PDB file of all heavy atoms in Angstrom:
ATOM      1  N   GLY A   1      25.545  43.709  25.579  1.00  0.00           N
ATOM      2  CA  GLY A   1      24.558  42.753  25.007  1.00  0.00           C
ATOM      3  C   GLY A   1      24.169  41.686  26.018  1.00  0.00           C
ATOM      4  O   GLY A   1      22.994  41.368  26.161  1.00  0.00           O
ATOM      5  N   TRP A   2      25.175  41.118  26.705  1.00  0.00           N
ATOM      6  CA  TRP A   2      24.842  40.082  27.697  1.00  0.00           C
ATOM      7  C   TRP A   2      24.021  40.656  28.845  1.00  0.00           C
ATOM      8  O   TRP A   2      23.095  40.057  29.347  1.00  0.00           O
ATOM      9  CB  TRP A   2      26.133  39.457  28.261  1.00  0.00           C
ATOM     10  CG  TRP A   2      26.701  38.414  27.373  1.00  0.00           C
ATOM     11  CD1 TRP A   2      27.910  38.477  26.725  1.00  0.00           C
ATOM     12  CD2 TRP A   2      26.123  37.140  27.018  1.00  0.00           C
ATOM     13  NE1 TRP A   2      28.089  37.330  25.989  1.00  0.00           N
ATOM     14  CE2 TRP A   2      27.029  36.489  26.162  1.00  0.00           C
ATOM     15  CE3 TRP A   2      24.945  36.509  27.363  1.00  0.00           C
ATOM     16  CZ2 TRP A   2      26.758  35.239  25.630  1.00  0.00           C
ATOM     17  CZ3 TRP A   2      24.683  35.271  26.835  1.00  0.00           C
ATOM     18  CH2 TRP A   2      25.589  34.637  25.967  1.00  0.00           C
ATOM     19  N   LEU A   3      24.348  41.903  29.279  1.00  0.00           N
ATOM     20  CA  LEU A   3      23.579  42.500  30.349  1.00  0.00           C
ATOM     21  C   LEU A   3      22.145  42.791  29.934  1.00  0.00           C
ATOM     22  O   LEU A   3      21.221  42.556  30.703  1.00  0.00           O
ATOM     23  CB  LEU A   3      24.266  43.787  30.820  1.00  0.00           C
ATOM     24  CG  LEU A   3      25.521  43.589  31.646  1.00  0.00           C
ATOM     25  CD1 LEU A   3      26.194  44.916  31.983  1.00  0.00           C
ATOM     26  CD2 LEU A   3      25.200  42.844  32.918  1.00  0.00           C
ATOM     27  N   ILE A   4      21.964  43.310  28.725  1.00  0.00           N
ATOM     28  CA  ILE A   4      20.594  43.570  28.242  1.00  0.00           C
ATOM     29  C   ILE A   4      19.828  42.266  28.146  1.00  0.00           C
ATOM     30  O   ILE A   4      18.659  42.203  28.561  1.00  0.00           O
ATOM     31  CB  ILE A   4      20.650  44.299  26.883  1.00  0.00           C
ATOM     32  CG1 ILE A   4      21.139  45.712  27.071  1.00  0.00           C
ATOM     33  CG2 ILE A   4      19.293  44.274  26.185  1.00  0.00           C
ATOM     34  CD1 ILE A   4      21.460  46.472  25.798  1.00  0.00           C
ATOM     35  N   LEU A   5      20.466  41.211  27.638  1.00  0.00           N
ATOM     36  CA  LEU A   5      19.779  39.920  27.548  1.00  0.00           C
ATOM     37  C   LEU A   5      19.384  39.403  28.931  1.00  0.00           C
ATOM     38  O   LEU A   5      18.282  38.920  29.124  1.00  0.00           O
ATOM     39  CB  LEU A   5      20.669  38.910  26.820  1.00  0.00           C
ATOM     40  CG  LEU A   5      20.052  37.532  26.588  1.00  0.00           C
ATOM     41  CD1 LEU A   5      18.835  37.637  25.670  1.00  0.00           C
ATOM     42  CD2 LEU A   5      21.089  36.595  25.987  1.00  0.00           C
ATOM     43  N   THR A   6      20.298  39.509  29.904  1.00  0.00           N
ATOM     44  CA  THR A   6      19.999  38.986  31.240  1.00  0.00           C
ATOM     45  C   THR A   6      18.997  39.860  31.991  1.00  0.00           C
ATOM     46  O   THR A   6      18.308  39.381  32.887  1.00  0.00           O
ATOM     47  CB  THR A   6      21.255  38.820  32.097  1.00  0.00           C
ATOM     48  OG1 THR A   6      21.936  40.065  32.180  1.00  0.00           O
ATOM     49  CG2 THR A   6      22.159  37.761  31.530  1.00  0.00           C
ATOM     50  N   ILE A   7      18.899  41.139  31.627  1.00  0.00           N
ATOM     51  CA  ILE A   7      17.916  41.998  32.309  1.00  0.00           C
ATOM     52  C   ILE A   7      16.545  41.865  31.648  1.00  0.00           C
ATOM     53  O   ILE A   7      15.522  41.764  32.345  1.00  0.00           O
ATOM     54  CB  ILE A   7      18.407  43.478  32.319  1.00  0.00           C
ATOM     55  CG1 ILE A   7      19.595  43.586  33.270  1.00  0.00           C
ATOM     56  CG2 ILE A   7      17.299  44.410  32.745  1.00  0.00           C
ATOM     57  CD1 ILE A   7      20.320  44.897  33.213  1.00  0.00           C
ATOM     58  N   LEU A   8      16.479  41.855  30.324  1.00  0.00           N
ATOM     59  CA  LEU A   8      15.193  41.785  29.648  1.00  0.00           C
ATOM     60  C   LEU A   8      14.586  40.378  29.689  1.00  0.00           C
ATOM     61  O   LEU A   8      13.375  40.232  29.853  1.00  0.00           O
ATOM     62  CB  LEU A   8      15.342  42.235  28.179  1.00  0.00           C
ATOM     63  CG  LEU A   8      15.664  43.742  28.007  1.00  0.00           C
ATOM     64  CD1 LEU A   8      15.758  44.083  26.516  1.00  0.00           C
ATOM     65  CD2 LEU A   8      14.641  44.592  28.697  1.00  0.00           C
ATOM     66  N   LEU A   9      15.414  39.373  29.499  1.00  0.00           N
ATOM     67  CA  LEU A   9      14.943  37.966  29.546  1.00  0.00           C
ATOM     68  C   LEU A   9      15.821  37.211  30.526  1.00  0.00           C
ATOM     69  O   LEU A   9      16.716  36.458  30.162  1.00  0.00           O
ATOM     70  CB  LEU A   9      15.046  37.333  28.152  1.00  0.00           C
ATOM     71  CG  LEU A   9      14.258  38.015  27.040  1.00  0.00           C
ATOM     72  CD1 LEU A   9      14.665  37.432  25.684  1.00  0.00           C
ATOM     73  CD2 LEU A   9      12.786  37.851  27.277  1.00  0.00           C
ATOM     74  N   PRO A  10      15.600  37.422  31.824  1.00  0.00           N
ATOM     75  CA  PRO A  10      16.560  36.922  32.814  1.00  0.00           C
ATOM     76  C   PRO A  10      16.773  35.395  32.751  1.00  0.00           C
ATOM     77  O   PRO A  10      17.917  34.944  32.787  1.00  0.00           O
ATOM     78  CB  PRO A  10      15.980  37.353  34.150  1.00  0.00           C
ATOM     79  CG  PRO A  10      14.687  37.970  33.906  1.00  0.00           C
ATOM     80  CD  PRO A  10      14.493  38.123  32.428  1.00  0.00           C
ATOM     81  N   PHE A  11      15.712  34.606  32.716  1.00  0.00           N
ATOM     82  CA  PHE A  11      15.908  33.166  32.720  1.00  0.00           C
ATOM     83  C   PHE A  11      16.624  32.693  31.474  1.00  0.00           C
ATOM     84  O   PHE A  11      17.633  31.960  31.555  1.00  0.00           O
ATOM     85  CB  PHE A  11      14.556  32.426  32.864  1.00  0.00           C
ATOM     86  CG  PHE A  11      13.954  32.580  34.212  1.00  0.00           C
ATOM     87  CD1 PHE A  11      12.831  33.384  34.413  1.00  0.00           C
ATOM     88  CD2 PHE A  11      14.490  31.921  35.293  1.00  0.00           C
ATOM     89  CE1 PHE A  11      12.279  33.519  35.659  1.00  0.00           C
ATOM     90  CE2 PHE A  11      13.937  32.045  36.555  1.00  0.00           C
ATOM     91  CZ  PHE A  11      12.816  32.853  36.739  1.00  0.00           C
ATOM     92  N   LEU A  12      16.163  33.128  30.334  1.00  0.00           N
ATOM     93  CA  LEU A  12      16.802  32.739  29.074  1.00  0.00           C
ATOM     94  C   LEU A  12      18.220  33.271  28.984  1.00  0.00           C
ATOM     95  O   LEU A  12      19.152  32.564  28.598  1.00  0.00           O
ATOM     96  CB  LEU A  12      15.976  33.236  27.890  1.00  0.00           C
ATOM     97  CG  LEU A  12      16.511  32.864  26.498  1.00  0.00           C
ATOM     98  CD1 LEU A  12      16.423  31.376  26.305  1.00  0.00           C
ATOM     99  CD2 LEU A  12      15.731  33.605  25.432  1.00  0.00           C
ATOM    100  N   GLY A  13      18.397  34.532  29.357  1.00  0.00           N
ATOM    101  CA  GLY A  13      19.740  35.151  29.291  1.00  0.00           C
ATOM    102  C   GLY A  13      20.775  34.421  30.140  1.00  0.00           C
ATOM    103  O   GLY A  13      21.899  34.165  29.720  1.00  0.00           O
ATOM    104  N   VAL A  14      20.383  34.121  31.380  1.00  0.00           N
ATOM    105  CA  VAL A  14      21.319  33.431  32.297  1.00  0.00           C
ATOM    106  C   VAL A  14      21.617  32.027  31.799  1.00  0.00           C
ATOM    107  O   VAL A  14      22.771  31.595  31.779  1.00  0.00           O
ATOM    108  CB  VAL A  14      20.779  33.427  33.725  1.00  0.00           C
ATOM    109  CG1 VAL A  14      21.544  32.465  34.606  1.00  0.00           C
ATOM    110  CG2 VAL A  14      20.807  34.813  34.310  1.00  0.00           C
ATOM    111  N   PHE A  15      20.587  31.294  31.381  1.00  0.00           N
ATOM    112  CA  PHE A  15      20.830  29.925  30.923  1.00  0.00           C
ATOM    113  C   PHE A  15      21.674  29.897  29.632  1.00  0.00           C
ATOM    114  O   PHE A  15      22.551  29.061  29.507  1.00  0.00           O
ATOM    115  CB  PHE A  15      19.519  29.183  30.738  1.00  0.00           C
ATOM    116  CG  PHE A  15      18.816  28.914  32.044  1.00  0.00           C
ATOM    117  CD1 PHE A  15      17.468  29.182  32.175  1.00  0.00           C
ATOM    118  CD2 PHE A  15      19.509  28.416  33.130  1.00  0.00           C
ATOM    119  CE1 PHE A  15      16.818  28.941  33.393  1.00  0.00           C
ATOM    120  CE2 PHE A  15      18.880  28.169  34.307  1.00  0.00           C
ATOM    121  CZ  PHE A  15      17.548  28.430  34.459  1.00  0.00           C
ATOM    122  N   VAL A  16      21.428  30.812  28.728  1.00  0.00           N
ATOM    123  CA  VAL A  16      22.246  30.871  27.509  1.00  0.00           C
ATOM    124  C   VAL A  16      23.688  31.256  27.860  1.00  0.00           C
ATOM    125  O   VAL A  16      24.636  30.665  27.340  1.00  0.00           O
ATOM    126  CB  VAL A  16      21.642  31.873  26.476  1.00  0.00           C
ATOM    127  CG1 VAL A  16      22.613  32.157  25.356  1.00  0.00           C
ATOM    128  CG2 VAL A  16      20.323  31.337  25.959  1.00  0.00           C
ATOM    129  N   TYR A  17      23.868  32.200  28.768  1.00  0.00           N
ATOM    130  CA  TYR A  17      25.224  32.596  29.185  1.00  0.00           C
ATOM    131  C   TYR A  17      25.967  31.416  29.796  1.00  0.00           C
ATOM    132  O   TYR A  17      27.123  31.176  29.492  1.00  0.00           O
ATOM    133  CB  TYR A  17      25.159  33.759  30.175  1.00  0.00           C
ATOM    134  CG  TYR A  17      26.541  34.305  30.521  1.00  0.00           C
ATOM    135  CD1 TYR A  17      27.136  35.245  29.723  1.00  0.00           C
ATOM    136  CD2 TYR A  17      27.249  33.850  31.618  1.00  0.00           C
ATOM    137  CE1 TYR A  17      28.387  35.741  29.998  1.00  0.00           C
ATOM    138  CE2 TYR A  17      28.497  34.328  31.927  1.00  0.00           C
ATOM    139  CZ  TYR A  17      29.074  35.278  31.111  1.00  0.00           C
ATOM    140  OH  TYR A  17      30.338  35.768  31.391  1.00  0.00           O
ATOM    141  N   VAL A  18      25.273  30.693  30.676  1.00  0.00           N
ATOM    142  CA  VAL A  18      25.939  29.539  31.323  1.00  0.00           C
ATOM    143  C   VAL A  18      26.271  28.466  30.287  1.00  0.00           C
ATOM    144  O   VAL A  18      27.345  27.844  30.363  1.00  0.00           O
ATOM    145  CB  VAL A  18      25.032  29.001  32.454  1.00  0.00           C
ATOM    146  CG1 VAL A  18      25.540  27.648  32.961  1.00  0.00           C
ATOM    147  CG2 VAL A  18      24.952  29.974  33.596  1.00  0.00           C
ATOM    148  N   LEU A  19      25.396  28.256  29.316  1.00  0.00           N
ATOM    149  CA  LEU A  19      25.695  27.268  28.287  1.00  0.00           C
ATOM    150  C   LEU A  19      26.849  27.712  27.379  1.00  0.00           C
ATOM    151  O   LEU A  19      27.711  26.901  27.026  1.00  0.00           O
ATOM    152  CB  LEU A  19      24.434  27.003  27.420  1.00  0.00           C
ATOM    153  CG  LEU A  19      23.328  26.209  28.090  1.00  0.00           C
ATOM    154  CD1 LEU A  19      22.114  26.158  27.186  1.00  0.00           C
ATOM    155  CD2 LEU A  19      23.811  24.811  28.422  1.00  0.00           C
ATOM    156  N   VAL A  20      26.872  28.973  27.012  1.00  0.00           N
ATOM    157  CA  VAL A  20      27.888  29.468  26.061  1.00  0.00           C
ATOM    158  C   VAL A  20      29.225  29.727  26.747  1.00  0.00           C
ATOM    159  O   VAL A  20      30.265  29.350  26.250  1.00  0.00           O
ATOM    160  CB  VAL A  20      27.378  30.746  25.343  1.00  0.00           C
ATOM    161  CG1 VAL A  20      28.473  31.373  24.509  1.00  0.00           C
ATOM    162  CG2 VAL A  20      26.165  30.421  24.512  1.00  0.00           C
ATOM    163  N   ARG A  21      29.218  30.399  27.900  1.00  0.00           N
ATOM    164  CA  ARG A  21      30.441  30.823  28.521  1.00  0.00           C
ATOM    165  C   ARG A  21      30.672  30.234  29.912  1.00  0.00           C
ATOM    166  O   ARG A  21      31.585  30.650  30.626  1.00  0.00           O
ATOM    167  CB  ARG A  21      30.451  32.361  28.621  1.00  0.00           C
ATOM    168  CG  ARG A  21      30.296  32.991  27.259  1.00  0.00           C
ATOM    169  CD  ARG A  21      30.390  34.483  27.284  1.00  0.00           C
ATOM    170  NE  ARG A  21      31.493  34.995  28.044  1.00  0.00           N
ATOM    171  CZ  ARG A  21      32.734  35.132  27.601  1.00  0.00           C
ATOM    172  NH1 ARG A  21      33.045  34.759  26.389  1.00  0.00           N
ATOM    173  NH2 ARG A  21      33.673  35.595  28.382  1.00  0.00           N
ATOM    174  N   GLY A  22      29.874  29.264  30.315  1.00  0.00           N
ATOM    175  CA  GLY A  22      29.950  28.728  31.642  1.00  0.00           C
ATOM    176  C   GLY A  22      31.212  27.968  31.945  1.00  0.00           C
ATOM    177  O   GLY A  22      31.687  27.950  33.066  1.00  0.00           O
ATOM    178  N   ARG A  23      31.803  27.360  30.925  1.00  0.00           N
ATOM    179  CA  ARG A  23      33.010  26.547  31.130  1.00  0.00           C
ATOM    180  C   ARG A  23      34.165  27.417  31.676  1.00  0.00           C
ATOM    181  O   ARG A  23      34.956  26.959  32.471  1.00  0.00           O
ATOM    182  CB  ARG A  23      33.404  25.869  29.835  1.00  0.00           C
ATOM    183  CG  ARG A  23      34.592  24.956  29.949  1.00  0.00           C
ATOM    184  CD  ARG A  23      34.854  24.289  28.637  1.00  0.00           C
ATOM    185  NE  ARG A  23      33.682  23.481  28.278  1.00  0.00           N
ATOM    186  CZ  ARG A  23      33.691  22.177  28.110  1.00  0.00           C
ATOM    187  NH1 ARG A  23      34.811  21.528  28.246  1.00  0.00           N
ATOM    188  NH2 ARG A  23      32.622  21.512  27.779  1.00  0.00           N
ATOM    189  N   SER A  24      34.262  28.637  31.213  1.00  0.00           N
ATOM    190  CA  SER A  24      35.408  29.491  31.608  1.00  0.00           C
ATOM    191  C   SER A  24      35.067  30.358  32.812  1.00  0.00           C
ATOM    192  O   SER A  24      35.924  31.118  33.243  1.00  0.00           O
ATOM    193  CB  SER A  24      35.851  30.330  30.429  1.00  0.00           C
ATOM    194  OG  SER A  24      34.774  31.121  29.944  1.00  0.00           O
ATOM    195  N   MET A  25      33.855  30.289  33.333  1.00  0.00           N
ATOM    196  CA  MET A  25      33.506  31.113  34.491  1.00  0.00           C
ATOM    197  C   MET A  25      34.346  30.751  35.722  1.00  0.00           C
ATOM    198  O   MET A  25      34.840  31.626  36.435  1.00  0.00           O
ATOM    199  CB  MET A  25      32.030  30.939  34.845  1.00  0.00           C
ATOM    200  CG  MET A  25      31.066  31.698  33.994  1.00  0.00           C
ATOM    201  SD  MET A  25      29.345  31.432  34.437  1.00  0.00           S
ATOM    202  CE  MET A  25      29.211  32.259  35.994  1.00  0.00           C
ATOM    203  N   GLY A  26      34.589  29.489  35.903  1.00  0.00           N
ATOM    204  CA  GLY A  26      35.418  29.034  37.050  1.00  0.00           C
ATOM    205  C   GLY A  26      36.833  29.514  36.929  1.00  0.00           C
ATOM    206  O   GLY A  26      37.457  29.898  37.920  1.00  0.00           O
ATOM    207  N   ALA A  27      37.406  29.480  35.714  1.00  0.00           N
ATOM    208  CA  ALA A  27      38.776  29.917  35.530  1.00  0.00           C
ATOM    209  C   ALA A  27      38.913  31.416  35.820  1.00  0.00           C
ATOM    210  O   ALA A  27      39.871  31.846  36.448  1.00  0.00           O
ATOM    211  CB  ALA A  27      39.245  29.603  34.104  1.00  0.00           C
ATOM    212  N   ARG A  28      37.938  32.202  35.368  1.00  0.00           N
ATOM    213  CA  ARG A  28      37.951  33.624  35.658  1.00  0.00           C
ATOM    214  C   ARG A  28      37.818  33.877  37.139  1.00  0.00           C
ATOM    215  O   ARG A  28      38.475  34.790  37.686  1.00  0.00           O
ATOM    216  CB  ARG A  28      36.871  34.334  34.864  1.00  0.00           C
ATOM    217  CG  ARG A  28      37.207  34.537  33.427  1.00  0.00           C
ATOM    218  CD  ARG A  28      36.210  35.430  32.728  1.00  0.00           C
ATOM    219  NE  ARG A  28      34.900  34.826  32.594  1.00  0.00           N
ATOM    220  CZ  ARG A  28      34.546  33.996  31.627  1.00  0.00           C
ATOM    221  NH1 ARG A  28      35.407  33.672  30.689  1.00  0.00           N
ATOM    222  NH2 ARG A  28      33.331  33.495  31.563  1.00  0.00           N
ATOM    223  N   GLU A  29      36.997  33.125  37.814  1.00  0.00           N
ATOM    224  CA  GLU A  29      36.824  33.280  39.260  1.00  0.00           C
ATOM    225  C   GLU A  29      38.122  32.963  39.994  1.00  0.00           C
ATOM    226  O   GLU A  29      38.527  33.673  40.900  1.00  0.00           O
ATOM    227  CB  GLU A  29      35.697  32.382  39.739  1.00  0.00           C
ATOM    228  CG  GLU A  29      35.434  32.420  41.226  1.00  0.00           C
ATOM    229  CD  GLU A  29      34.751  33.699  41.656  1.00  0.00           C
ATOM    230  OE1 GLU A  29      34.150  34.394  40.789  1.00  0.00           O
ATOM    231  OE2 GLU A  29      34.815  34.024  42.832  1.00  0.00           O
ATOM    232  N   ARG A  30      38.802  31.865  39.587  1.00  0.00           N
ATOM    233  CA  ARG A  30      40.084  31.519  40.206  1.00  0.00           C
ATOM    234  C   ARG A  30      41.113  32.608  40.003  1.00  0.00           C
ATOM    235  O   ARG A  30      41.870  32.957  40.906  1.00  0.00           O
ATOM    236  CB  ARG A  30      40.587  30.176  39.679  1.00  0.00           C
ATOM    237  CG  ARG A  30      39.952  28.969  40.312  1.00  0.00           C
ATOM    238  CD  ARG A  30      40.645  27.694  39.941  1.00  0.00           C
ATOM    239  NE  ARG A  30      40.642  27.413  38.507  1.00  0.00           N
ATOM    240  CZ  ARG A  30      39.606  26.891  37.860  1.00  0.00           C
ATOM    241  NH1 ARG A  30      38.515  26.586  38.527  1.00  0.00           N
ATOM    242  NH2 ARG A  30      39.655  26.657  36.553  1.00  0.00           N
ATOM    243  N   ARG A  31      41.220  33.130  38.738  1.00  0.00           N
ATOM    244  CA  ARG A  31      42.167  34.207  38.481  1.00  0.00           C
ATOM    245  C   ARG A  31      41.873  35.430  39.319  1.00  0.00           C
ATOM    246  O   ARG A  31      42.782  36.073  39.878  1.00  0.00           O
ATOM    247  CB  ARG A  31      42.161  34.561  36.991  1.00  0.00           C
ATOM    248  CG  ARG A  31      42.929  33.623  36.120  1.00  0.00           C
ATOM    249  CD  ARG A  31      43.207  34.215  34.756  1.00  0.00           C
ATOM    250  NE  ARG A  31      42.020  34.752  34.087  1.00  0.00           N
ATOM    251  CZ  ARG A  31      41.284  34.117  33.213  1.00  0.00           C
ATOM    252  NH1 ARG A  31      41.579  32.859  32.891  1.00  0.00           N
ATOM    253  NH2 ARG A  31      40.233  34.677  32.642  1.00  0.00           N
ATOM    254  N   HIS A  32      40.613  35.732  39.472  1.00  0.00           N
ATOM    255  CA  HIS A  32      40.229  36.902  40.300  1.00  0.00           C
ATOM    256  C   HIS A  32      40.622  36.672  41.765  1.00  0.00           C
ATOM    257  O   HIS A  32      41.166  37.599  42.389  1.00  0.00           O
ATOM    258  CB  HIS A  32      38.720  37.107  40.165  1.00  0.00           C
ATOM    259  CG  HIS A  32      38.171  38.204  41.007  1.00  0.00           C
ATOM    260  ND1 HIS A  32      38.434  39.531  40.789  1.00  0.00           N
ATOM    261  CD2 HIS A  32      37.406  38.170  42.123  1.00  0.00           C
ATOM    262  CE1 HIS A  32      37.849  40.257  41.692  1.00  0.00           C
ATOM    263  NE2 HIS A  32      37.193  39.452  42.526  1.00  0.00           N
ATOM    264  N   LEU A  33      40.355  35.514  42.289  1.00  0.00           N
ATOM    265  CA  LEU A  33      40.696  35.220  43.680  1.00  0.00           C
ATOM    266  C   LEU A  33      42.204  35.208  43.898  1.00  0.00           C
ATOM    267  O   LEU A  33      42.710  35.658  44.939  1.00  0.00           O
ATOM    268  CB  LEU A  33      40.083  33.893  44.128  1.00  0.00           C
ATOM    269  CG  LEU A  33      38.578  33.872  44.238  1.00  0.00           C
ATOM    270  CD1 LEU A  33      38.063  32.470  44.579  1.00  0.00           C
ATOM    271  CD2 LEU A  33      38.111  34.868  45.273  1.00  0.00           C
TER     272      LEU A  33
END
C-alpha cells in the first residue's frame, strides 16, 4: 500500500509517510546500521 501510494502519488505519498511514520525512520536506520 505504501509503495503504491508513493508511486502513484509521489509527493502526497512521501509527505504522508513522513508525517505518519517519520518519527521511527531514524530508529530503524540506526538499528540497520
